[in-house]
Amino acid sequence: MTNRHTAEQLRELLERGADSTNSITDRIAIHVLHRAGLLGKRFLDNHISIETVALGGDHVHLAFIRDWSALAHQDERLSRTERCCLELAACIALSVPHPATTGKVTPATPMKIHVCTQY
């Protein structure tokens, strides 16, 4: 149950969970959720699993989002910005292109630099 935790506590638990699995994509996705102000929202309760894990002889609490795809497609009423941040976080965690890119990533236009050789 995540409703007993503040947004900051959830962020710490999720970051520790991502660290324990060496998942940089989860870590970045959690950062997106945190910066968007989505951690601590009630709709996330069904998607966050808080577990007690034995690490180095100690029992520690870690949190995980096990199904990022389901999180991105949940039907909670969110603003367009919140929905976009949620989808972005899921795409990062799953290492897939965001739907807005339609799977096509175009390279940046090279910048031309003019060098003045006269003084």
N, C-alpha and C. Protein backbone atom coordinates (compact mmCIF):
# COMPACT_ATOMS: atom_id res chain seq x y z
N MET A 1 0.85 -1.18 0.00
CA MET A 1 0.00 0.00 0.00
C MET A 1 0.89 1.24 0.00
N THR A 2 0.73 2.11 -0.97
CA THR A 2 1.60 3.26 -1.09
C THR A 2 1.03 4.53 -0.48
N ASN A 3 -0.23 4.51 -0.06
CA ASN A 3 -0.84 5.73 0.44
C ASN A 3 -0.29 6.16 1.80
N ARG A 4 0.55 5.34 2.41
CA ARG A 4 1.17 5.71 3.68
C ARG A 4 2.50 6.42 3.46
N HIS A 5 2.88 6.61 2.23
CA HIS A 5 4.16 7.21 1.92
C HIS A 5 3.97 8.55 1.21
N THR A 6 4.88 9.47 1.51
CA THR A 6 4.86 10.76 0.81
C THR A 6 5.47 10.57 -0.57
N ALA A 7 5.31 11.57 -1.42
CA ALA A 7 5.89 11.51 -2.76
C ALA A 7 7.41 11.36 -2.67
N GLU A 8 8.03 12.05 -1.73
CA GLU A 8 9.49 11.97 -1.57
C GLU A 8 9.92 10.58 -1.11
N GLN A 9 9.17 9.99 -0.19
CA GLN A 9 9.49 8.63 0.26
C GLN A 9 9.34 7.63 -0.88
N LEU A 10 8.28 7.78 -1.68
CA LEU A 10 8.09 6.90 -2.83
C LEU A 10 9.22 7.04 -3.83
N ARG A 11 9.66 8.28 -4.06
CA ARG A 11 10.78 8.50 -4.97
C ARG A 11 12.02 7.76 -4.48
N GLU A 12 12.32 7.88 -3.21
CA GLU A 12 13.49 7.20 -2.65
C GLU A 12 13.37 5.68 -2.75
N LEU A 13 12.19 5.15 -2.42
CA LEU A 13 11.98 3.70 -2.50
C LEU A 13 12.09 3.20 -3.94
N LEU A 14 11.51 3.94 -4.88
CA LEU A 14 11.58 3.55 -6.29
C LEU A 14 13.01 3.65 -6.82
N GLU A 15 13.73 4.69 -6.42
CA GLU A 15 15.13 4.82 -6.85
C GLU A 15 15.98 3.68 -6.31
N ARG A 16 15.76 3.32 -5.05
CA ARG A 16 16.50 2.18 -4.48
C ARG A 16 16.16 0.89 -5.21
N GLY A 17 14.89 0.72 -5.59
CA GLY A 17 14.49 -0.46 -6.34
C GLY A 17 15.17 -0.50 -7.70
N ALA A 18 15.21 0.64 -8.39
CA ALA A 18 15.87 0.71 -9.70
C ALA A 18 17.37 0.46 -9.55
N ASP A 19 17.96 0.98 -8.49
CA ASP A 19 19.39 0.75 -8.25
C ASP A 19 19.67 -0.72 -7.99
N SER A 20 18.76 -1.39 -7.28
CA SER A 20 18.98 -2.80 -6.96
C SER A 20 18.92 -3.70 -8.19
N THR A 21 18.22 -3.24 -9.23
CA THR A 21 18.13 -4.01 -10.47
C THR A 21 19.05 -3.45 -11.56
N ASN A 22 19.84 -2.43 -11.20
CA ASN A 22 20.75 -1.78 -12.14
C ASN A 22 20.03 -1.26 -13.38
N SER A 23 18.84 -0.73 -13.20
CA SER A 23 18.05 -0.24 -14.34
C SER A 23 18.14 1.28 -14.44
N ILE A 24 19.00 1.75 -15.34
CA ILE A 24 19.13 3.19 -15.55
C ILE A 24 17.87 3.76 -16.19
N THR A 25 17.20 2.97 -17.02
CA THR A 25 15.98 3.47 -17.65
C THR A 25 14.86 3.66 -16.62
N ASP A 26 14.74 2.73 -15.67
CA ASP A 26 13.75 2.91 -14.60
C ASP A 26 14.10 4.15 -13.77
N ARG A 27 15.38 4.32 -13.50
CA ARG A 27 15.82 5.46 -12.68
C ARG A 27 15.44 6.78 -13.36
N ILE A 28 15.67 6.86 -14.67
CA ILE A 28 15.33 8.08 -15.41
C ILE A 28 13.81 8.27 -15.46
N ALA A 29 13.06 7.19 -15.68
CA ALA A 29 11.60 7.26 -15.74
C ALA A 29 11.04 7.73 -14.40
N ILE A 30 11.61 7.26 -13.31
CA ILE A 30 11.17 7.69 -11.98
C ILE A 30 11.43 9.18 -11.80
N HIS A 31 12.56 9.64 -12.31
CA HIS A 31 12.88 11.07 -12.24
C HIS A 31 11.82 11.88 -13.00
N VAL A 32 11.41 11.40 -14.16
CA VAL A 32 10.37 12.09 -14.94
C VAL A 32 9.07 12.16 -14.14
N LEU A 33 8.67 11.03 -13.55
CA LEU A 33 7.44 11.03 -12.73
C LEU A 33 7.55 12.00 -11.56
N HIS A 34 8.71 12.02 -10.94
CA HIS A 34 8.93 12.91 -9.79
C HIS A 34 8.85 14.38 -10.22
N ARG A 35 9.57 14.73 -11.29
CA ARG A 35 9.60 16.12 -11.75
C ARG A 35 8.23 16.58 -12.26
N ALA A 36 7.43 15.64 -12.76
CA ALA A 36 6.09 15.98 -13.24
C ALA A 36 5.08 16.08 -12.10
N GLY A 37 5.51 15.74 -10.89
CA GLY A 37 4.61 15.81 -9.74
C GLY A 37 3.61 14.67 -9.68
N LEU A 38 3.91 13.56 -10.34
CA LEU A 38 2.97 12.43 -10.38
C LEU A 38 3.16 11.44 -9.24
N LEU A 39 4.34 11.41 -8.63
CA LEU A 39 4.53 10.49 -7.50
C LEU A 39 3.67 10.95 -6.34
N GLY A 40 3.05 10.01 -5.68
CA GLY A 40 2.15 10.33 -4.58
C GLY A 40 0.70 10.46 -5.02
N LYS A 41 0.44 10.46 -6.32
CA LYS A 41 -0.95 10.51 -6.81
C LYS A 41 -1.59 9.14 -6.59
N ARG A 42 -2.85 9.14 -6.23
CA ARG A 42 -3.54 7.89 -5.86
C ARG A 42 -3.57 6.86 -6.99
N PHE A 43 -3.65 7.30 -8.24
CA PHE A 43 -3.75 6.33 -9.32
C PHE A 43 -2.50 5.47 -9.44
N LEU A 44 -1.37 5.93 -8.90
CA LEU A 44 -0.14 5.15 -8.97
C LEU A 44 -0.13 3.98 -7.99
N ASP A 45 -0.99 4.02 -6.97
CA ASP A 45 -1.01 2.98 -5.94
C ASP A 45 -1.11 1.57 -6.53
N ASN A 46 -1.90 1.40 -7.57
CA ASN A 46 -2.09 0.08 -8.17
C ASN A 46 -0.89 -0.38 -8.99
N HIS A 47 0.04 0.52 -9.26
CA HIS A 47 1.17 0.21 -10.13
C HIS A 47 2.50 0.10 -9.39
N ILE A 48 2.51 0.53 -8.12
CA ILE A 48 3.75 0.49 -7.35
C ILE A 48 3.69 -0.66 -6.35
N SER A 49 4.73 -1.47 -6.38
CA SER A 49 4.85 -2.60 -5.47
C SER A 49 5.97 -2.31 -4.48
N ILE A 50 5.64 -2.24 -3.19
CA ILE A 50 6.65 -2.03 -2.16
C ILE A 50 6.95 -3.38 -1.52
N GLU A 51 8.22 -3.75 -1.56
CA GLU A 51 8.64 -5.07 -1.09
C GLU A 51 9.77 -4.94 -0.08
N THR A 52 9.84 -5.92 0.81
CA THR A 52 10.96 -6.01 1.74
C THR A 52 11.94 -7.03 1.17
N VAL A 53 13.17 -6.59 0.96
CA VAL A 53 14.18 -7.42 0.31
C VAL A 53 15.40 -7.53 1.21
N ALA A 54 16.00 -8.72 1.25
CA ALA A 54 17.22 -8.92 2.03
C ALA A 54 18.41 -8.47 1.19
N LEU A 55 19.12 -7.46 1.67
CA LEU A 55 20.32 -6.96 1.00
C LEU A 55 21.44 -6.84 2.02
N GLY A 56 22.53 -7.55 1.78
CA GLY A 56 23.68 -7.45 2.67
C GLY A 56 23.38 -7.79 4.11
N GLY A 57 22.51 -8.74 4.34
CA GLY A 57 22.17 -9.14 5.70
C GLY A 57 21.09 -8.29 6.35
N ASP A 58 20.68 -7.22 5.71
CA ASP A 58 19.62 -6.37 6.24
C ASP A 58 18.37 -6.53 5.39
N HIS A 59 17.23 -6.24 6.00
CA HIS A 59 15.97 -6.22 5.26
C HIS A 59 15.63 -4.76 4.99
N VAL A 60 15.50 -4.43 3.70
CA VAL A 60 15.22 -3.05 3.31
C VAL A 60 13.96 -3.01 2.46
N HIS A 61 13.30 -1.87 2.50
CA HIS A 61 12.10 -1.67 1.69
C HIS A 61 12.51 -1.07 0.35
N LEU A 62 12.02 -1.65 -0.71
CA LEU A 62 12.25 -1.16 -2.07
C LEU A 62 10.90 -1.08 -2.77
N ALA A 63 10.81 -0.21 -3.75
CA ALA A 63 9.57 -0.10 -4.52
C ALA A 63 9.89 -0.30 -5.99
N PHE A 64 8.93 -0.87 -6.70
CA PHE A 64 9.10 -1.17 -8.11
C PHE A 64 7.81 -0.84 -8.86
N ILE A 65 7.96 -0.43 -10.09
CA ILE A 65 6.83 -0.37 -11.02
C ILE A 65 7.09 -1.51 -11.97
N ARG A 66 6.31 -2.57 -11.84
CA ARG A 66 6.55 -3.81 -12.58
C ARG A 66 5.99 -3.78 -14.00
N ASP A 67 4.93 -3.00 -14.22
CA ASP A 67 4.30 -2.99 -15.54
C ASP A 67 4.15 -1.54 -16.02
N TRP A 68 5.21 -1.03 -16.62
CA TRP A 68 5.20 0.36 -17.09
C TRP A 68 4.16 0.56 -18.19
N SER A 69 3.94 -0.45 -19.01
CA SER A 69 2.97 -0.35 -20.09
C SER A 69 1.56 -0.13 -19.54
N ALA A 70 1.20 -0.89 -18.53
CA ALA A 70 -0.13 -0.73 -17.91
C ALA A 70 -0.25 0.65 -17.27
N LEU A 71 0.83 1.13 -16.69
CA LEU A 71 0.81 2.46 -16.07
C LEU A 71 0.52 3.53 -17.12
N ALA A 72 1.16 3.41 -18.27
CA ALA A 72 0.97 4.41 -19.33
C ALA A 72 -0.43 4.37 -19.92
N HIS A 73 -1.10 3.22 -19.83
CA HIS A 73 -2.43 3.08 -20.43
C HIS A 73 -3.57 3.06 -19.42
N GLN A 74 -3.31 3.46 -18.21
CA GLN A 74 -4.38 3.47 -17.22
C GLN A 74 -5.37 4.58 -17.56
N ASP A 75 -6.59 4.47 -17.07
CA ASP A 75 -7.66 5.37 -17.52
C ASP A 75 -8.01 6.48 -16.53
N GLU A 76 -7.09 6.82 -15.66
CA GLU A 76 -7.32 7.92 -14.71
C GLU A 76 -7.43 9.24 -15.48
N ARG A 77 -8.25 10.12 -14.97
CA ARG A 77 -8.37 11.44 -15.59
C ARG A 77 -7.13 12.26 -15.24
N LEU A 78 -6.38 12.59 -16.26
CA LEU A 78 -5.16 13.37 -16.09
C LEU A 78 -5.17 14.52 -17.08
N SER A 79 -4.41 15.55 -16.77
CA SER A 79 -4.27 16.64 -17.73
C SER A 79 -3.44 16.12 -18.91
N ARG A 80 -3.46 16.86 -19.98
CA ARG A 80 -2.71 16.45 -21.16
C ARG A 80 -1.20 16.38 -20.84
N THR A 81 -0.73 17.33 -20.06
CA THR A 81 0.68 17.35 -19.68
C THR A 81 1.02 16.15 -18.80
N GLU A 82 0.17 15.85 -17.82
CA GLU A 82 0.41 14.69 -16.96
C GLU A 82 0.42 13.40 -17.77
N ARG A 83 -0.53 13.27 -18.69
CA ARG A 83 -0.61 12.08 -19.54
C ARG A 83 0.67 11.95 -20.37
N CYS A 84 1.13 13.05 -20.94
CA CYS A 84 2.34 13.03 -21.76
C CYS A 84 3.55 12.64 -20.93
N CYS A 85 3.68 13.17 -19.72
CA CYS A 85 4.80 12.82 -18.84
C CYS A 85 4.74 11.36 -18.43
N LEU A 86 3.54 10.86 -18.18
CA LEU A 86 3.36 9.45 -17.82
C LEU A 86 3.77 8.55 -18.99
N GLU A 87 3.34 8.89 -20.18
CA GLU A 87 3.70 8.11 -21.37
C GLU A 87 5.20 8.18 -21.63
N LEU A 88 5.79 9.36 -21.45
CA LEU A 88 7.22 9.53 -21.65
C LEU A 88 8.01 8.67 -20.68
N ALA A 89 7.60 8.69 -19.41
CA ALA A 89 8.29 7.87 -18.40
C ALA A 89 8.21 6.39 -18.76
N ALA A 90 7.04 5.94 -19.19
CA ALA A 90 6.88 4.53 -19.56
C ALA A 90 7.75 4.18 -20.77
N CYS A 91 7.79 5.07 -21.75
CA CYS A 91 8.62 4.81 -22.94
C CYS A 91 10.09 4.73 -22.57
N ILE A 92 10.53 5.59 -21.68
CA ILE A 92 11.92 5.56 -21.24
C ILE A 92 12.20 4.24 -20.52
N ALA A 93 11.33 3.87 -19.59
CA ALA A 93 11.54 2.63 -18.82
C ALA A 93 11.55 1.40 -19.72
N LEU A 94 10.70 1.42 -20.74
CA LEU A 94 10.59 0.28 -21.65
C LEU A 94 11.56 0.36 -22.84
N SER A 95 12.29 1.48 -22.93
CA SER A 95 13.24 1.70 -24.03
C SER A 95 12.58 1.63 -25.40
N VAL A 96 11.42 2.27 -25.51
CA VAL A 96 10.72 2.33 -26.80
C VAL A 96 10.49 3.80 -27.15
N PRO A 97 10.34 4.10 -28.45
CA PRO A 97 10.09 5.49 -28.85
C PRO A 97 8.75 5.98 -28.32
N HIS A 98 8.70 7.24 -28.00
CA HIS A 98 7.45 7.86 -27.56
C HIS A 98 6.50 7.92 -28.76
N PRO A 99 5.19 7.71 -28.55
CA PRO A 99 4.24 7.72 -29.66
C PRO A 99 4.26 9.00 -30.49
N ALA A 100 4.62 10.11 -29.89
CA ALA A 100 4.65 11.38 -30.63
C ALA A 100 5.70 11.36 -31.72
N THR A 101 6.70 10.50 -31.59
CA THR A 101 7.74 10.44 -32.61
C THR A 101 7.37 9.50 -33.75
N THR A 102 6.30 8.76 -33.58
CA THR A 102 5.84 7.74 -34.53
C THR A 102 6.96 6.78 -34.91
N GLY A 103 7.88 6.62 -34.00
CA GLY A 103 8.97 5.68 -34.23
C GLY A 103 10.06 6.20 -35.14
N LYS A 104 9.92 7.43 -35.61
CA LYS A 104 10.92 7.99 -36.51
C LYS A 104 11.72 9.06 -35.78
N VAL A 105 12.98 8.82 -35.64
CA VAL A 105 13.84 9.80 -35.00
C VAL A 105 14.72 10.39 -36.09
N THR A 106 14.63 11.69 -36.27
CA THR A 106 15.43 12.33 -37.30
C THR A 106 16.66 12.97 -36.66
N PRO A 107 17.80 12.86 -37.32
CA PRO A 107 19.00 13.46 -36.74
C PRO A 107 18.90 14.98 -36.76
N ALA A 108 19.61 15.59 -35.86
CA ALA A 108 19.62 17.05 -35.80
C ALA A 108 20.33 17.61 -37.04
N THR A 109 19.92 18.79 -37.45
CA THR A 109 20.55 19.45 -38.58
C THR A 109 21.95 19.91 -38.16
N PRO A 110 22.96 19.55 -38.95
CA PRO A 110 24.31 19.98 -38.57
C PRO A 110 24.41 21.50 -38.58
N MET A 111 25.15 22.02 -37.64
CA MET A 111 25.32 23.46 -37.53
C MET A 111 26.52 23.88 -38.37
N LYS A 112 26.36 24.93 -39.15
CA LYS A 112 27.47 25.45 -39.92
C LYS A 112 28.15 26.54 -39.12
N ILE A 113 29.44 26.46 -39.06
CA ILE A 113 30.20 27.45 -38.32
C ILE A 113 31.08 28.21 -39.30
N HIS A 114 30.99 29.52 -39.28
CA HIS A 114 31.80 30.37 -40.14
C HIS A 114 32.93 30.93 -39.29
N VAL A 115 34.12 30.77 -39.78
CA VAL A 115 35.29 31.25 -39.06
C VAL A 115 35.84 32.46 -39.79
N CYS A 116 35.98 33.54 -39.07
CA CYS A 116 36.54 34.74 -39.66
C CYS A 116 38.06 34.67 -39.56
N THR A 117 38.73 34.77 -40.70
CA THR A 117 40.20 34.66 -40.69
C THR A 117 40.87 36.01 -40.86
N GLN A 118 40.09 37.07 -41.05
CA GLN A 118 40.67 38.40 -41.20
C GLN A 118 40.59 39.14 -39.88
N TYR A 119 41.61 39.93 -39.62
CA TYR A 119 41.64 40.71 -38.37
C TYR A 119 41.41 42.16 -38.65
